[in-house]
PDB file of N, CA and C in Angstrom:
ATOM      1  N   MET A   1      -7.929 -13.551  -2.050  1.00  0.00           N
ATOM      2  CA  MET A   1      -7.356 -13.668  -0.729  1.00  0.00           C
ATOM      3  C   MET A   1      -8.206 -12.854   0.243  1.00  0.00           C
ATOM      4  N   THR A   2      -8.435 -13.421   1.406  1.00  0.00           N
ATOM      5  CA  THR A   2      -9.208 -12.703   2.412  1.00  0.00           C
ATOM      6  C   THR A   2      -8.338 -11.635   3.070  1.00  0.00           C
ATOM      7  N   PHE A   3      -8.982 -10.674   3.708  1.00  0.00           N
ATOM      8  CA  PHE A   3      -8.256  -9.621   4.401  1.00  0.00           C
ATOM      9  C   PHE A   3      -7.445 -10.204   5.558  1.00  0.00           C
ATOM     10  N   ILE A   4      -7.966 -11.222   6.216  1.00  0.00           N
ATOM     11  CA  ILE A   4      -7.261 -11.867   7.326  1.00  0.00           C
ATOM     12  C   ILE A   4      -5.985 -12.545   6.821  1.00  0.00           C
ATOM     13  N   GLU A   5      -6.072 -13.241   5.687  1.00  0.00           N
ATOM     14  CA  GLU A   5      -4.886 -13.870   5.101  1.00  0.00           C
ATOM     15  C   GLU A   5      -3.847 -12.811   4.722  1.00  0.00           C
ATOM     16  N   PHE A   6      -4.325 -11.695   4.188  1.00  0.00           N
ATOM     17  CA  PHE A   6      -3.459 -10.578   3.822  1.00  0.00           C
ATOM     18  C   PHE A   6      -2.704 -10.055   5.045  1.00  0.00           C
ATOM     19  N   LYS A   7      -3.422  -9.850   6.150  1.00  0.00           N
ATOM     20  CA  LYS A   7      -2.783  -9.343   7.371  1.00  0.00           C
ATOM     21  C   LYS A   7      -1.756 -10.340   7.908  1.00  0.00           C
ATOM     22  N   LYS A   8      -2.015 -11.638   7.765  1.00  0.00           N
ATOM     23  CA  LYS A   8      -1.046 -12.648   8.198  1.00  0.00           C
ATOM     24  C   LYS A   8       0.237 -12.551   7.367  1.00  0.00           C
ATOM     25  N   LEU A   9       0.078 -12.300   6.064  1.00  0.00           N
ATOM     26  CA  LEU A   9       1.252 -12.140   5.215  1.00  0.00           C
ATOM     27  C   LEU A   9       2.063 -10.908   5.626  1.00  0.00           C
ATOM     28  N   LEU A  10       1.355  -9.841   5.980  1.00  0.00           N
ATOM     29  CA  LEU A  10       2.059  -8.641   6.442  1.00  0.00           C
ATOM     30  C   LEU A  10       2.851  -8.934   7.711  1.00  0.00           C
ATOM     31  N   LEU A  11       2.277  -9.725   8.609  1.00  0.00           N
ATOM     32  CA  LEU A  11       3.006 -10.122   9.823  1.00  0.00           C
ATOM     33  C   LEU A  11       4.263 -10.914   9.460  1.00  0.00           C
ATOM     34  N   ASP A  12       4.131 -11.815   8.478  1.00  0.00           N
ATOM     35  CA  ASP A  12       5.275 -12.597   8.025  1.00  0.00           C
ATOM     36  C   ASP A  12       6.348 -11.705   7.395  1.00  0.00           C
ATOM     37  N   ALA A  13       5.902 -10.595   6.805  1.00  0.00           N
ATOM     38  CA  ALA A  13       6.828  -9.637   6.196  1.00  0.00           C
ATOM     39  C   ALA A  13       7.335  -8.616   7.209  1.00  0.00           C
ATOM     40  N   GLU A  14       6.869  -8.740   8.457  1.00  0.00           N
ATOM     41  CA  GLU A  14       7.209  -7.813   9.539  1.00  0.00           C
ATOM     42  C   GLU A  14       6.769  -6.386   9.202  1.00  0.00           C
ATOM     43  N   LEU A  15       5.534  -6.279   8.708  1.00  0.00           N
ATOM     44  CA  LEU A  15       4.953  -4.987   8.349  1.00  0.00           C
ATOM     45  C   LEU A  15       3.603  -4.806   9.014  1.00  0.00           C
ATOM     46  N   THR A  16       3.287  -3.560   9.302  1.00  0.00           N
ATOM     47  CA  THR A  16       1.937  -3.187   9.711  1.00  0.00           C
ATOM     48  C   THR A  16       1.268  -2.595   8.474  1.00  0.00           C
ATOM     49  N   ILE A  17      -0.025  -2.384   8.531  1.00  0.00           N
ATOM     50  CA  ILE A  17      -0.706  -1.765   7.394  1.00  0.00           C
ATOM     51  C   ILE A  17      -0.142  -0.367   7.119  1.00  0.00           C
ATOM     52  N   PRO A  18       0.053   0.483   8.130  1.00  0.00           N
ATOM     53  CA  PRO A  18       0.637   1.805   7.830  1.00  0.00           C
ATOM     54  C   PRO A  18       2.029   1.720   7.184  1.00  0.00           C
ATOM     55  N   LYS A  19       2.862   0.793   7.645  1.00  0.00           N
ATOM     56  CA  LYS A  19       4.196   0.644   7.057  1.00  0.00           C
ATOM     57  C   LYS A  19       4.110   0.101   5.630  1.00  0.00           C
ATOM     58  N   PHE A  20       3.184  -0.829   5.394  1.00  0.00           N
ATOM     59  CA  PHE A  20       2.977  -1.383   4.055  1.00  0.00           C
ATOM     60  C   PHE A  20       2.538  -0.296   3.088  1.00  0.00           C
ATOM     61  N   THR A  21       1.562   0.505   3.494  1.00  0.00           N
ATOM     62  CA  THR A  21       1.055   1.552   2.599  1.00  0.00           C
ATOM     63  C   THR A  21       2.106   2.624   2.339  1.00  0.00           C
ATOM     64  N   ALA A  22       2.909   2.945   3.343  1.00  0.00           N
ATOM     65  CA  ALA A  22       3.985   3.923   3.150  1.00  0.00           C
ATOM     66  C   ALA A  22       5.040   3.384   2.183  1.00  0.00           C
ATOM     67  N   LEU A  23       5.322   2.096   2.281  1.00  0.00           N
ATOM     68  CA  LEU A  23       6.337   1.476   1.428  1.00  0.00           C
ATOM     69  C   LEU A  23       5.915   1.454  -0.039  1.00  0.00           C
ATOM     70  N   ILE A  24       4.653   1.088  -0.288  1.00  0.00           N
ATOM     71  CA  ILE A  24       4.208   0.991  -1.691  1.00  0.00           C
ATOM     72  C   ILE A  24       3.504   2.257  -2.172  1.00  0.00           C
ATOM     73  N   LYS A  25       3.454   3.265  -1.324  1.00  0.00           N
ATOM     74  CA  LYS A  25       2.923   4.598  -1.663  1.00  0.00           C
ATOM     75  C   LYS A  25       1.452   4.565  -2.099  1.00  0.00           C
ATOM     76  N   VAL A  26       0.634   3.922  -1.276  1.00  0.00           N
ATOM     77  CA  VAL A  26      -0.814   3.953  -1.480  1.00  0.00           C
ATOM     78  C   VAL A  26      -1.480   4.449  -0.200  1.00  0.00           C
ATOM     79  N   SER A  27      -2.703   4.866  -0.323  1.00  0.00           N
ATOM     80  CA  SER A  27      -3.453   5.381   0.810  1.00  0.00           C
ATOM     81  C   SER A  27      -3.789   4.255   1.792  1.00  0.00           C
ATOM     82  N   GLU A  28      -3.564   4.536   3.072  1.00  0.00           N
ATOM     83  CA  GLU A  28      -3.944   3.559   4.102  1.00  0.00           C
ATOM     84  C   GLU A  28      -5.454   3.331   4.084  1.00  0.00           C
ATOM     85  N   LYS A  29      -6.186   4.394   3.821  1.00  0.00           N
ATOM     86  CA  LYS A  29      -7.648   4.298   3.747  1.00  0.00           C
ATOM     87  C   LYS A  29      -8.070   3.319   2.648  1.00  0.00           C
ATOM     88  N   ASN A  30      -7.342   3.344   1.546  1.00  0.00           N
ATOM     89  CA  ASN A  30      -7.622   2.439   0.429  1.00  0.00           C
ATOM     90  C   ASN A  30      -7.467   0.983   0.864  1.00  0.00           C
ATOM     91  N   ILE A  31      -6.379   0.672   1.544  1.00  0.00           N
ATOM     92  CA  ILE A  31      -6.141  -0.701   1.992  1.00  0.00           C
ATOM     93  C   ILE A  31      -7.153  -1.101   3.066  1.00  0.00           C
ATOM     94  N   GLN A  32      -7.455  -0.193   3.991  1.00  0.00           N
ATOM     95  CA  GLN A  32      -8.416  -0.489   5.052  1.00  0.00           C
ATOM     96  C   GLN A  32      -9.811  -0.769   4.476  1.00  0.00           C
ATOM     97  N   SER A  33     -10.129  -0.186   3.317  1.00  0.00           N
ATOM     98  CA  SER A  33     -11.452  -0.409   2.715  1.00  0.00           C
ATOM     99  C   SER A  33     -11.656  -1.870   2.323  1.00  0.00           C
ATOM    100  N   TYR A  34     -10.564  -2.599   2.090  1.00  0.00           N
ATOM    101  CA  TYR A  34     -10.685  -4.016   1.731  1.00  0.00           C
ATOM    102  C   TYR A  34     -11.166  -4.850   2.907  1.00  0.00           C
ATOM    103  N   LYS A  35     -11.018  -4.331   4.110  1.00  0.00           N
ATOM    104  CA  LYS A  35     -11.490  -5.046   5.299  1.00  0.00           C
ATOM    105  C   LYS A  35     -13.001  -5.242   5.237  1.00  0.00           C
ATOM    106  N   LYS A  36     -13.717  -4.187   4.806  1.00  0.00           N
ATOM    107  CA  LYS A  36     -15.174  -4.280   4.687  1.00  0.00           C
ATOM    108  C   LYS A  36     -15.587  -5.250   3.586  1.00  0.00           C
ATOM    109  N   LYS A  37     -14.810  -5.269   2.513  1.00  0.00           N
ATOM    110  CA  LYS A  37     -15.110  -6.158   1.386  1.00  0.00           C
ATOM    111  C   LYS A  37     -14.695  -7.592   1.695  1.00  0.00           C
ATOM    112  N   GLU A  38     -13.840  -7.743   2.716  1.00  0.00           N
ATOM    113  CA  GLU A  38     -13.316  -9.033   3.162  1.00  0.00           C
ATOM    114  C   GLU A  38     -12.444  -9.718   2.119  1.00  0.00           C
ATOM    115  N   GLU A  39     -12.065  -8.992   1.065  1.00  0.00           N
ATOM    116  CA  GLU A  39     -11.231  -9.558   0.018  1.00  0.00           C
ATOM    117  C   GLU A  39     -10.233  -8.510  -0.457  1.00  0.00           C
ATOM    118  N   VAL A  40      -9.020  -8.952  -0.721  1.00  0.00           N
ATOM    119  CA  VAL A  40      -7.955  -8.067  -1.170  1.00  0.00           C
ATOM    120  C   VAL A  40      -7.716  -8.309  -2.660  1.00  0.00           C
ATOM    121  N   PRO A  41      -7.539  -7.242  -3.444  1.00  0.00           N
ATOM    122  CA  PRO A  41      -7.272  -7.427  -4.875  1.00  0.00           C
ATOM    123  C   PRO A  41      -6.008  -8.258  -5.119  1.00  0.00           C
ATOM    124  N   ASN A  42      -5.984  -8.940  -6.243  1.00  0.00           N
ATOM    125  CA  ASN A  42      -4.871  -9.833  -6.566  1.00  0.00           C
ATOM    126  C   ASN A  42      -3.518  -9.130  -6.527  1.00  0.00           C
ATOM    127  N   ALA A  43      -3.435  -7.923  -7.053  1.00  0.00           N
ATOM    128  CA  ALA A  43      -2.148  -7.212  -7.109  1.00  0.00           C
ATOM    129  C   ALA A  43      -1.619  -6.937  -5.701  1.00  0.00           C
ATOM    130  N   ILE A  44      -2.486  -6.484  -4.811  1.00  0.00           N
ATOM    131  CA  ILE A  44      -2.072  -6.190  -3.429  1.00  0.00           C
ATOM    132  C   ILE A  44      -1.705  -7.486  -2.704  1.00  0.00           C
ATOM    133  N   ALA A  45      -2.489  -8.544  -2.928  1.00  0.00           N
ATOM    134  CA  ALA A  45      -2.205  -9.842  -2.312  1.00  0.00           C
ATOM    135  C   ALA A  45      -0.863 -10.380  -2.790  1.00  0.00           C
ATOM    136  N   SER A  46      -0.577 -10.214  -4.075  1.00  0.00           N
ATOM    137  CA  SER A  46       0.688 -10.692  -4.643  1.00  0.00           C
ATOM    138  C   SER A  46       1.876  -9.959  -4.038  1.00  0.00           C
ATOM    139  N   ILE A  47       1.739  -8.652  -3.877  1.00  0.00           N
ATOM    140  CA  ILE A  47       2.811  -7.858  -3.283  1.00  0.00           C
ATOM    141  C   ILE A  47       3.086  -8.332  -1.853  1.00  0.00           C
ATOM    142  N   ALA A  48       2.032  -8.510  -1.071  1.00  0.00           N
ATOM    143  CA  ALA A  48       2.194  -8.952   0.320  1.00  0.00           C
ATOM    144  C   ALA A  48       2.842 -10.332   0.381  1.00  0.00           C
ATOM    145  N   ALA A  49       2.436 -11.236  -0.513  1.00  0.00           N
ATOM    146  CA  ALA A  49       3.007 -12.585  -0.537  1.00  0.00           C
ATOM    147  C   ALA A  49       4.494 -12.540  -0.885  1.00  0.00           C
ATOM    148  N   CYS A  50       4.854 -11.695  -1.845  1.00  0.00           N
ATOM    149  CA  CYS A  50       6.264 -11.560  -2.223  1.00  0.00           C
ATOM    150  C   CYS A  50       7.088 -10.978  -1.086  1.00  0.00           C
ATOM    151  N   PHE A  51       6.553  -9.965  -0.410  1.00  0.00           N
ATOM    152  CA  PHE A  51       7.260  -9.369   0.723  1.00  0.00           C
ATOM    153  C   PHE A  51       7.481 -10.409   1.817  1.00  0.00           C
ATOM    154  N   ALA A  52       6.460 -11.215   2.108  1.00  0.00           N
ATOM    155  CA  ALA A  52       6.570 -12.243   3.152  1.00  0.00           C
ATOM    156  C   ALA A  52       7.640 -13.271   2.782  1.00  0.00           C
ATOM    157  N   LYS A  53       7.636 -13.706   1.530  1.00  0.00           N
ATOM    158  CA  LYS A  53       8.616 -14.710   1.071  1.00  0.00           C
ATOM    159  C   LYS A  53      10.026 -14.130   1.093  1.00  0.00           C
ATOM    160  N   MET A  54      10.180 -12.897   0.617  1.00  0.00           N
ATOM    161  CA  MET A  54      11.509 -12.280   0.610  1.00  0.00           C
ATOM    162  C   MET A  54      12.032 -12.091   2.033  1.00  0.00           C
ATOM    163  N   ASN A  55      11.154 -11.687   2.940  1.00  0.00           N
ATOM    164  CA  ASN A  55      11.563 -11.514   4.336  1.00  0.00           C
ATOM    165  C   ASN A  55      12.019 -12.846   4.926  1.00  0.00           C
ATOM    166  N   LYS A  56      11.268 -13.903   4.637  1.00  0.00           N
ATOM    167  CA  LYS A  56      11.619 -15.240   5.124  1.00  0.00           C
ATOM    168  C   LYS A  56      12.979 -15.674   4.590  1.00  0.00           C
ATOM    169  N   ASP A  57      13.271 -15.290   3.333  1.00  0.00           N
ATOM    170  CA  ASP A  57      14.526 -15.676   2.694  1.00  0.00           C
ATOM    171  C   ASP A  57      15.676 -14.703   2.985  1.00  0.00           C
ATOM    172  N   GLY A  58      15.405 -13.696   3.807  1.00  0.00           N
ATOM    173  CA  GLY A  58      16.456 -12.766   4.199  1.00  0.00           C
ATOM    174  C   GLY A  58      16.781 -11.697   3.171  1.00  0.00           C
ATOM    175  N   VAL A  59      15.867 -11.457   2.248  1.00  0.00           N
ATOM    176  CA  VAL A  59      16.072 -10.431   1.222  1.00  0.00           C
ATOM    177  C   VAL A  59      15.626  -9.073   1.767  1.00  0.00           C
ATOM    178  N   ASP A  60      16.442  -8.045   1.565  1.00  0.00           N
ATOM    179  CA  ASP A  60      16.110  -6.694   2.021  1.00  0.00           C
ATOM    180  C   ASP A  60      15.143  -6.057   1.016  1.00  0.00           C
ATOM    181  N   TYR A  61      13.901  -6.513   1.031  1.00  0.00           N
ATOM    182  CA  TYR A  61      12.917  -6.047   0.056  1.00  0.00           C
ATOM    183  C   TYR A  61      12.560  -4.578   0.259  1.00  0.00           C
ATOM    184  N   LYS A  62      12.628  -4.084   1.488  1.00  0.00           N
ATOM    185  CA  LYS A  62      12.274  -2.680   1.753  1.00  0.00           C
ATOM    186  C   LYS A  62      13.216  -1.746   1.004  1.00  0.00           C
ATOM    187  N   ASN A  63      14.504  -2.070   1.013  1.00  0.00           N
ATOM    188  CA  ASN A  63      15.469  -1.266   0.282  1.00  0.00           C
ATOM    189  C   ASN A  63      15.215  -1.355  -1.226  1.00  0.00           C
ATOM    190  N   LEU A  64      14.893  -2.559  -1.710  1.00  0.00           N
ATOM    191  CA  LEU A  64      14.599  -2.729  -3.138  1.00  0.00           C
ATOM    192  C   LEU A  64      13.424  -1.857  -3.567  1.00  0.00           C
ATOM    193  N   ILE A  65      12.377  -1.835  -2.766  1.00  0.00           N
ATOM    194  CA  ILE A  65      11.192  -1.039  -3.100  1.00  0.00           C
ATOM    195  C   ILE A  65      11.505   0.447  -3.003  1.00  0.00           C
ATOM    196  N   ASN A  66      12.240   0.857  -1.982  1.00  0.00           N
ATOM    197  CA  ASN A  66      12.603   2.266  -1.843  1.00  0.00           C
ATOM    198  C   ASN A  66      13.439   2.755  -3.023  1.00  0.00           C
ATOM    199  N   GLU A  67      14.274   1.887  -3.576  1.00  0.00           N
ATOM    200  CA  GLU A  67      15.095   2.253  -4.739  1.00  0.00           C
ATOM    201  C   GLU A  67      14.247   2.521  -5.986  1.00  0.00           C
ATOM    202  N   LEU A  68      13.014   2.040  -6.010  1.00  0.00           N
ATOM    203  CA  LEU A  68      12.125   2.292  -7.156  1.00  0.00           C
ATOM    204  C   LEU A  68      11.653   3.740  -7.202  1.00  0.00           C
ATOM    205  N   ASP A  69      11.810   4.452  -6.085  1.00  0.00           N
ATOM    206  CA  ASP A  69      11.387   5.846  -5.976  1.00  0.00           C
ATOM    207  C   ASP A  69       9.922   6.013  -6.402  1.00  0.00           C
ATOM    208  N   LEU A  70       9.063   5.167  -5.834  1.00  0.00           N
ATOM    209  CA  LEU A  70       7.631   5.234  -6.150  1.00  0.00           C
ATOM    210  C   LEU A  70       7.068   6.570  -5.689  1.00  0.00           C
ATOM    211  N   GLN A  71       6.075   7.073  -6.397  1.00  0.00           N
ATOM    212  CA  GLN A  71       5.434   8.337  -6.056  1.00  0.00           C
ATOM    213  C   GLN A  71       3.972   8.088  -5.707  1.00  0.00           C
ATOM    214  N   LYS A  72       3.527   8.709  -4.638  1.00  0.00           N
ATOM    215  CA  LYS A  72       2.126   8.591  -4.242  1.00  0.00           C
ATOM    216  C   LYS A  72       1.277   9.391  -5.222  1.00  0.00           C
ATOM    217  N   LYS A  73       0.190   8.807  -5.683  1.00  0.00           N
ATOM    218  CA  LYS A  73      -0.705   9.464  -6.623  1.00  0.00           C
ATOM    219  C   LYS A  73      -1.572  10.480  -5.896  1.00  0.00           C
ATOM    220  N   GLU A  74      -1.768  11.620  -6.526  1.00  0.00           N
ATOM    221  CA  GLU A  74      -2.636  12.656  -5.972  1.00  0.00           C
ATOM    222  C   GLU A  74      -4.052  12.439  -6.480  1.00  0.00           C
ATOM    223  N   LYS A  75      -5.036  12.720  -5.632  1.00  0.00           N
ATOM    224  CA  LYS A  75      -6.430  12.598  -6.024  1.00  0.00           C
ATOM    225  C   LYS A  75      -6.769  13.697  -7.026  1.00  0.00           C
ATOM    226  N   LYS A  76      -7.502  13.317  -8.063  1.00  0.00           N
ATOM    227  CA  LYS A  76      -7.922  14.271  -9.082  1.00  0.00           C
ATOM    228  C   LYS A  76      -9.402  14.076  -9.342  1.00  0.00           C
ATOM    229  N   GLY A  77     -10.022  15.078  -9.929  1.00  0.00           N
ATOM    230  CA  GLY A  77     -11.416  14.943 -10.309  1.00  0.00           C
ATOM    231  C   GLY A  77     -12.328  15.845  -9.516  1.00  0.00           C
ATOM    232  N   ALA A  78     -13.604  15.714  -9.770  1.00  0.00           N
ATOM    233  CA  ALA A  78     -14.611  16.553  -9.124  1.00  0.00           C
ATOM    234  C   ALA A  78     -14.591  16.353  -7.617  1.00  0.00           C
ATOM    235  N   GLY A  79     -14.690  17.462  -6.910  1.00  0.00           N
ATOM    236  CA  GLY A  79     -14.756  17.389  -5.461  1.00  0.00           C
ATOM    237  C   GLY A  79     -13.417  17.509  -4.765  1.00  0.00           C
ATOM    238  N   PHE A  80     -12.324  17.480  -5.527  1.00  0.00           N
ATOM    239  CA  PHE A  80     -10.997  17.610  -4.937  1.00  0.00           C
ATOM    240  C   PHE A  80     -10.427  18.961  -5.327  1.00  0.00           C
ATOM    241  N   SER A  81     -10.106  19.767  -4.346  1.00  0.00           N
ATOM    242  CA  SER A  81      -9.575  21.096  -4.636  1.00  0.00           C
ATOM    243  C   SER A  81      -8.100  21.011  -4.968  1.00  0.00           C
ATOM    244  N   SER A  82      -7.678  21.850  -5.867  1.00  0.00           N
ATOM    245  CA  SER A  82      -6.283  21.891  -6.275  1.00  0.00           C
ATOM    246  C   SER A  82      -5.474  22.694  -5.260  1.00  0.00           C
ATOM    247  N   LYS A  83      -4.286  22.190  -4.951  1.00  0.00           N
ATOM    248  CA  LYS A  83      -3.402  22.891  -4.021  1.00  0.00           C
ATOM    249  C   LYS A  83      -2.847  24.152  -4.654  1.00  0.00           C
ATOM    250  N   LYS A  84      -2.766  24.175  -5.985  1.00  0.00           N
ATOM    251  CA  LYS A  84      -2.184  25.295  -6.698  1.00  0.00           C
ATOM    252  C   LYS A  84      -3.250  26.277  -7.188  1.00  0.00           C
ATOM    253  N   LYS A  85      -4.461  26.112  -6.736  1.00  0.00           N
ATOM    254  CA  LYS A  85      -5.560  26.969  -7.163  1.00  0.00           C
ATOM    255  C   LYS A  85      -5.307  28.404  -6.720  1.00  0.00           C
ATOM    256  N   GLU A  86      -5.432  29.330  -7.660  1.00  0.00           N
ATOM    257  CA  GLU A  86      -5.196  30.729  -7.356  1.00  0.00           C
ATOM    258  C   GLU A  86      -6.509  31.404  -6.935  1.00  0.00           C
ATOM    259  N   LYS A  87      -6.365  32.369  -6.029  1.00  0.00           N
ATOM    260  CA  LYS A  87      -7.547  33.131  -5.585  1.00  0.00           C
ATOM    261  C   LYS A  87      -7.905  34.168  -6.642  1.00  0.00           C
ATOM    262  N   LYS A  88      -9.195  34.276  -6.917  1.00  0.00           N
ATOM    263  CA  LYS A  88      -9.676  35.281  -7.848  1.00  0.00           C
ATOM    264  C   LYS A  88     -10.090  36.520  -7.068  1.00  0.00           C
ATOM    265  N   ASP A  89      -9.731  37.700  -7.577  1.00  0.00           N
ATOM    266  CA  ASP A  89     -10.083  38.958  -6.910  1.00  0.00           C
ATOM    267  C   ASP A  89     -11.414  39.461  -7.393  1.00  0.00           C
TER     268      ASP A  89
END
């Protein structure tokens, strides 16, 4: 799916990119990176298509997703400082 098709689905779901990323707990920067690639991964495209269809059918999908209590993943690995890092004397 192209990024343009993806954005049209978000409009059908009555979502903006920031609202979409907040709902599914992913980085907005991550989703915006697909704009340069001009293609959206299948999983993200599927989610947007389902949201658009549910919205059209009058399903309160936002509440359903919020009930999942999704957690945003923290960045790990080299180059990312830990928030709990203790100072050495």
